Amino acid sequence: ELKDLNSSMTTPEMAREMEELRKDCASYTEKLERIKSATNHVTPEEKERVCSQQKLYCKEWRRRKRMATELLEAILEGYPKSKKQFFEEVGIETDEDHNVTLPAAL
């Protein structure tokens, strides 16, 4: 019991600790209020513009990927080696090599 009492905080130490915690709490409360009252939220028009741009870019990505795949398939028709060997020789990296997928539609 004496060991526990000796290792515990004294009253002045406890008061300092409580004061520090109150200051931290006040600063966090102030920060939370600033975040809640922020007026720089995204407007619906801006959100719509960004969403439409993403849809356009995804559409272009699909179109270009399809065109490239068709072109490579046409080349591979007369190529004596495998598709993987051709890609290695030419230095083509695919989305699948890097585990990249198109984002889901919004």
N, C-alpha and C. Protein backbone atom coordinates (compact mmCIF):
# COMPACT_ATOMS: atom_id res chain seq x y z
N GLU A 1 0.83 -1.18 0.00
CA GLU A 1 0.00 0.00 0.00
C GLU A 1 0.88 1.25 0.00
N LEU A 2 1.97 1.21 0.74
CA LEU A 2 2.90 2.34 0.79
C LEU A 2 3.54 2.56 -0.58
N LYS A 3 3.87 1.46 -1.24
CA LYS A 3 4.46 1.54 -2.57
C LYS A 3 3.49 2.22 -3.54
N ASP A 4 2.21 1.87 -3.47
CA ASP A 4 1.19 2.48 -4.33
C ASP A 4 1.06 3.97 -4.06
N LEU A 5 1.09 4.34 -2.79
CA LEU A 5 0.97 5.74 -2.43
C LEU A 5 2.19 6.54 -2.89
N ASN A 6 3.37 5.96 -2.76
CA ASN A 6 4.59 6.65 -3.18
C ASN A 6 4.66 6.82 -4.70
N SER A 7 4.10 5.88 -5.45
CA SER A 7 4.18 5.97 -6.91
C SER A 7 3.04 6.79 -7.50
N SER A 8 2.03 7.13 -6.73
CA SER A 8 0.92 7.93 -7.25
C SER A 8 1.29 9.40 -7.27
N MET A 9 0.49 10.19 -8.01
CA MET A 9 0.76 11.62 -8.16
C MET A 9 0.41 12.38 -6.88
N THR A 10 1.13 13.45 -6.68
CA THR A 10 0.81 14.32 -5.55
C THR A 10 -0.31 15.26 -5.97
N THR A 11 -0.88 15.97 -5.01
CA THR A 11 -1.98 16.88 -5.30
C THR A 11 -1.57 17.98 -6.28
N PRO A 12 -0.41 18.64 -6.11
CA PRO A 12 -0.02 19.66 -7.10
C PRO A 12 0.22 19.08 -8.50
N GLU A 13 0.80 17.88 -8.55
CA GLU A 13 1.02 17.24 -9.86
C GLU A 13 -0.33 16.94 -10.52
N MET A 14 -1.27 16.46 -9.71
CA MET A 14 -2.59 16.14 -10.23
C MET A 14 -3.29 17.40 -10.74
N ALA A 15 -3.14 18.51 -10.02
CA ALA A 15 -3.75 19.77 -10.44
C ALA A 15 -3.15 20.25 -11.76
N ARG A 16 -1.82 20.13 -11.92
CA ARG A 16 -1.17 20.51 -13.18
C ARG A 16 -1.66 19.64 -14.33
N GLU A 17 -1.76 18.35 -14.07
CA GLU A 17 -2.22 17.42 -15.10
C GLU A 17 -3.65 17.76 -15.52
N MET A 18 -4.51 18.05 -14.57
CA MET A 18 -5.90 18.40 -14.88
C MET A 18 -5.96 19.69 -15.68
N GLU A 19 -5.12 20.66 -15.34
CA GLU A 19 -5.09 21.93 -16.07
C GLU A 19 -4.65 21.71 -17.52
N GLU A 20 -3.64 20.88 -17.73
CA GLU A 20 -3.17 20.57 -19.08
C GLU A 20 -4.28 19.89 -19.89
N LEU A 21 -4.97 18.95 -19.25
CA LEU A 21 -6.05 18.25 -19.95
C LEU A 21 -7.19 19.19 -20.29
N ARG A 22 -7.50 20.13 -19.41
CA ARG A 22 -8.54 21.11 -19.70
C ARG A 22 -8.15 21.99 -20.89
N LYS A 23 -6.85 22.40 -20.94
CA LYS A 23 -6.37 23.21 -22.07
C LYS A 23 -6.49 22.42 -23.37
N ASP A 24 -6.07 21.14 -23.33
CA ASP A 24 -6.19 20.29 -24.52
C ASP A 24 -7.63 20.17 -24.96
N CYS A 25 -8.51 19.94 -24.01
CA CYS A 25 -9.94 19.79 -24.32
C CYS A 25 -10.47 21.08 -24.94
N ALA A 26 -10.10 22.22 -24.38
CA ALA A 26 -10.57 23.51 -24.92
C ALA A 26 -10.06 23.72 -26.34
N SER A 27 -8.79 23.37 -26.60
CA SER A 27 -8.25 23.56 -27.95
C SER A 27 -8.94 22.63 -28.95
N TYR A 28 -9.23 21.39 -28.53
CA TYR A 28 -9.92 20.47 -29.42
C TYR A 28 -11.36 20.92 -29.68
N THR A 29 -12.01 21.44 -28.66
CA THR A 29 -13.37 21.94 -28.82
C THR A 29 -13.38 23.12 -29.80
N GLU A 30 -12.41 24.00 -29.65
CA GLU A 30 -12.30 25.15 -30.56
C GLU A 30 -12.06 24.69 -32.00
N LYS A 31 -11.18 23.71 -32.15
CA LYS A 31 -10.88 23.18 -33.48
C LYS A 31 -12.13 22.54 -34.10
N LEU A 32 -12.88 21.81 -33.29
CA LEU A 32 -14.11 21.19 -33.77
C LEU A 32 -15.13 22.24 -34.20
N GLU A 33 -15.25 23.29 -33.46
CA GLU A 33 -16.18 24.36 -33.81
C GLU A 33 -15.77 25.04 -35.12
N ARG A 34 -14.47 25.24 -35.31
CA ARG A 34 -13.99 25.83 -36.57
C ARG A 34 -14.33 24.93 -37.75
N ILE A 35 -14.17 23.61 -37.55
CA ILE A 35 -14.47 22.67 -38.64
C ILE A 35 -15.97 22.68 -38.93
N LYS A 36 -16.78 22.66 -37.88
CA LYS A 36 -18.24 22.65 -38.07
C LYS A 36 -18.74 23.92 -38.72
N SER A 37 -18.13 25.05 -38.40
CA SER A 37 -18.61 26.32 -38.94
C SER A 37 -17.91 26.72 -40.23
N ALA A 38 -17.12 25.83 -40.80
CA ALA A 38 -16.41 26.16 -42.03
C ALA A 38 -17.40 26.44 -43.15
N THR A 39 -17.11 27.48 -43.91
CA THR A 39 -18.00 27.85 -45.01
C THR A 39 -17.44 27.43 -46.36
N ASN A 40 -16.34 26.71 -46.34
CA ASN A 40 -15.72 26.31 -47.61
C ASN A 40 -16.13 24.91 -48.04
N HIS A 41 -17.37 24.53 -47.74
CA HIS A 41 -17.87 23.23 -48.17
C HIS A 41 -18.07 23.24 -49.68
N VAL A 42 -18.11 22.05 -50.25
CA VAL A 42 -18.27 21.91 -51.70
C VAL A 42 -19.72 22.21 -52.07
N THR A 43 -19.89 23.05 -53.06
CA THR A 43 -21.24 23.39 -53.52
C THR A 43 -21.78 22.26 -54.38
N PRO A 44 -23.10 22.13 -54.48
CA PRO A 44 -23.68 21.07 -55.33
C PRO A 44 -23.25 21.20 -56.80
N GLU A 45 -23.11 22.46 -57.28
CA GLU A 45 -22.69 22.65 -58.67
C GLU A 45 -21.27 22.14 -58.88
N GLU A 46 -20.40 22.43 -57.92
CA GLU A 46 -19.01 21.98 -58.03
C GLU A 46 -18.93 20.46 -57.95
N LYS A 47 -19.73 19.87 -57.08
CA LYS A 47 -19.74 18.41 -56.96
C LYS A 47 -20.22 17.79 -58.26
N GLU A 48 -21.27 18.35 -58.85
CA GLU A 48 -21.80 17.83 -60.11
C GLU A 48 -20.77 17.95 -61.23
N ARG A 49 -20.04 19.07 -61.25
CA ARG A 49 -19.02 19.28 -62.28
C ARG A 49 -17.91 18.23 -62.14
N VAL A 50 -17.47 17.98 -60.92
CA VAL A 50 -16.40 16.99 -60.69
C VAL A 50 -16.88 15.59 -61.06
N CYS A 51 -18.12 15.26 -60.69
CA CYS A 51 -18.67 13.94 -61.03
C CYS A 51 -18.78 13.75 -62.53
N SER A 52 -19.22 14.78 -63.23
CA SER A 52 -19.34 14.65 -64.69
C SER A 52 -17.97 14.52 -65.35
N GLN A 53 -16.97 15.22 -64.81
CA GLN A 53 -15.62 15.08 -65.34
C GLN A 53 -15.10 13.66 -65.11
N GLN A 54 -15.36 13.10 -63.92
CA GLN A 54 -14.90 11.75 -63.64
C GLN A 54 -15.56 10.75 -64.60
N LYS A 55 -16.85 10.92 -64.85
CA LYS A 55 -17.55 10.03 -65.79
C LYS A 55 -16.94 10.13 -67.18
N LEU A 56 -16.63 11.36 -67.61
CA LEU A 56 -16.02 11.57 -68.92
C LEU A 56 -14.66 10.88 -69.00
N TYR A 57 -13.84 11.06 -67.97
CA TYR A 57 -12.50 10.45 -67.98
C TYR A 57 -12.57 8.93 -67.95
N CYS A 58 -13.51 8.37 -67.19
CA CYS A 58 -13.67 6.91 -67.15
C CYS A 58 -14.13 6.38 -68.51
N LYS A 59 -15.03 7.12 -69.15
CA LYS A 59 -15.52 6.73 -70.47
C LYS A 59 -14.36 6.73 -71.47
N GLU A 60 -13.52 7.77 -71.41
CA GLU A 60 -12.35 7.85 -72.30
C GLU A 60 -11.37 6.71 -72.01
N TRP A 61 -11.17 6.41 -70.73
CA TRP A 61 -10.27 5.32 -70.34
C TRP A 61 -10.75 4.01 -70.96
N ARG A 62 -12.05 3.72 -70.82
CA ARG A 62 -12.60 2.48 -71.39
C ARG A 62 -12.43 2.45 -72.91
N ARG A 63 -12.73 3.59 -73.55
CA ARG A 63 -12.64 3.66 -75.01
C ARG A 63 -11.21 3.43 -75.48
N ARG A 64 -10.26 4.09 -74.84
CA ARG A 64 -8.86 3.95 -75.24
C ARG A 64 -8.33 2.55 -74.94
N LYS A 65 -8.76 1.98 -73.81
CA LYS A 65 -8.32 0.63 -73.48
C LYS A 65 -8.86 -0.37 -74.50
N ARG A 66 -10.12 -0.19 -74.90
CA ARG A 66 -10.73 -1.07 -75.91
C ARG A 66 -10.00 -0.95 -77.24
N MET A 67 -9.69 0.30 -77.63
CA MET A 67 -8.97 0.52 -78.90
C MET A 67 -7.59 -0.14 -78.85
N ALA A 68 -6.88 0.04 -77.75
CA ALA A 68 -5.54 -0.54 -77.63
C ALA A 68 -5.61 -2.06 -77.64
N THR A 69 -6.59 -2.61 -76.96
CA THR A 69 -6.73 -4.07 -76.93
C THR A 69 -7.02 -4.62 -78.32
N GLU A 70 -7.92 -3.95 -79.06
CA GLU A 70 -8.23 -4.40 -80.41
C GLU A 70 -7.01 -4.32 -81.31
N LEU A 71 -6.24 -3.24 -81.18
CA LEU A 71 -5.03 -3.08 -81.98
C LEU A 71 -4.00 -4.17 -81.66
N LEU A 72 -3.81 -4.41 -80.37
CA LEU A 72 -2.84 -5.44 -79.97
C LEU A 72 -3.29 -6.83 -80.39
N GLU A 73 -4.60 -7.11 -80.32
CA GLU A 73 -5.11 -8.41 -80.76
C GLU A 73 -4.87 -8.59 -82.27
N ALA A 74 -5.03 -7.52 -83.05
CA ALA A 74 -4.79 -7.60 -84.49
C ALA A 74 -3.32 -7.88 -84.76
N ILE A 75 -2.43 -7.26 -84.00
CA ILE A 75 -0.99 -7.50 -84.17
C ILE A 75 -0.65 -8.94 -83.79
N LEU A 76 -1.27 -9.42 -82.70
CA LEU A 76 -0.95 -10.76 -82.20
C LEU A 76 -1.45 -11.88 -83.09
N GLU A 77 -2.38 -11.58 -84.03
CA GLU A 77 -2.88 -12.62 -84.94
C GLU A 77 -1.74 -13.23 -85.75
N GLY A 78 -0.81 -12.39 -86.18
CA GLY A 78 0.29 -12.89 -87.00
C GLY A 78 1.59 -13.04 -86.22
N TYR A 79 1.57 -12.86 -84.92
CA TYR A 79 2.78 -12.93 -84.11
C TYR A 79 3.00 -14.36 -83.65
N PRO A 80 4.21 -14.90 -83.84
CA PRO A 80 4.44 -16.32 -83.53
C PRO A 80 4.51 -16.64 -82.03
N LYS A 81 4.79 -15.66 -81.21
CA LYS A 81 4.95 -15.94 -79.78
C LYS A 81 3.67 -15.60 -79.02
N SER A 82 3.72 -15.82 -77.71
CA SER A 82 2.52 -15.58 -76.89
C SER A 82 2.32 -14.08 -76.64
N LYS A 83 1.13 -13.76 -76.16
CA LYS A 83 0.78 -12.38 -75.86
C LYS A 83 1.70 -11.83 -74.76
N LYS A 84 1.97 -12.65 -73.75
CA LYS A 84 2.82 -12.22 -72.64
C LYS A 84 4.23 -11.91 -73.13
N GLN A 85 4.77 -12.76 -74.00
CA GLN A 85 6.11 -12.54 -74.55
C GLN A 85 6.15 -11.27 -75.39
N PHE A 86 5.10 -11.04 -76.16
CA PHE A 86 5.03 -9.83 -76.99
C PHE A 86 5.04 -8.58 -76.10
N PHE A 87 4.22 -8.59 -75.06
CA PHE A 87 4.16 -7.44 -74.15
C PHE A 87 5.51 -7.19 -73.50
N GLU A 88 6.23 -8.27 -73.14
CA GLU A 88 7.55 -8.11 -72.52
C GLU A 88 8.56 -7.54 -73.51
N GLU A 89 8.53 -8.01 -74.76
CA GLU A 89 9.47 -7.53 -75.77
C GLU A 89 9.24 -6.07 -76.11
N VAL A 90 7.98 -5.68 -76.22
CA VAL A 90 7.64 -4.32 -76.59
C VAL A 90 7.69 -3.39 -75.38
N GLY A 91 7.51 -3.93 -74.19
CA GLY A 91 7.53 -3.11 -72.98
C GLY A 91 6.18 -2.54 -72.62
N ILE A 92 5.13 -3.28 -72.91
CA ILE A 92 3.77 -2.82 -72.61
C ILE A 92 3.40 -3.27 -71.20
N GLU A 93 2.89 -2.32 -70.42
CA GLU A 93 2.39 -2.64 -69.08
C GLU A 93 0.88 -2.43 -69.10
N THR A 94 0.15 -3.40 -68.60
CA THR A 94 -1.31 -3.31 -68.61
C THR A 94 -1.82 -2.89 -67.24
N ASP A 95 -3.11 -2.51 -67.20
CA ASP A 95 -3.75 -2.18 -65.93
C ASP A 95 -3.70 -3.38 -64.98
N GLU A 96 -3.88 -4.55 -65.53
CA GLU A 96 -3.90 -5.76 -64.72
C GLU A 96 -2.53 -6.03 -64.08
N ASP A 97 -1.44 -5.66 -64.76
CA ASP A 97 -0.10 -5.83 -64.19
C ASP A 97 0.06 -5.04 -62.90
N HIS A 98 -0.63 -3.92 -62.81
CA HIS A 98 -0.50 -3.04 -61.65
C HIS A 98 -1.74 -3.04 -60.77
N ASN A 99 -2.63 -4.01 -61.00
CA ASN A 99 -3.87 -4.16 -60.21
C ASN A 99 -4.69 -2.87 -60.20
N VAL A 100 -4.81 -2.24 -61.36
CA VAL A 100 -5.58 -1.00 -61.49
C VAL A 100 -6.94 -1.35 -62.08
N THR A 101 -7.99 -0.80 -61.46
CA THR A 101 -9.33 -0.99 -61.99
C THR A 101 -10.00 0.36 -62.15
N LEU A 102 -10.95 0.41 -63.03
CA LEU A 102 -11.72 1.64 -63.23
C LEU A 102 -12.52 1.93 -61.96
N PRO A 103 -12.62 3.19 -61.57
CA PRO A 103 -13.45 3.51 -60.39
C PRO A 103 -14.91 3.21 -60.66
N ALA A 104 -15.61 2.91 -59.60
CA ALA A 104 -17.04 2.62 -59.71
C ALA A 104 -17.79 3.89 -60.08
N ALA A 105 -18.85 3.72 -60.80
CA ALA A 105 -19.67 4.87 -61.21
C ALA A 105 -20.30 5.51 -59.98
N LEU A 106 -20.39 6.83 -60.00
CA LEU A 106 -20.97 7.55 -58.86
C LEU A 106 -22.47 7.55 -58.91
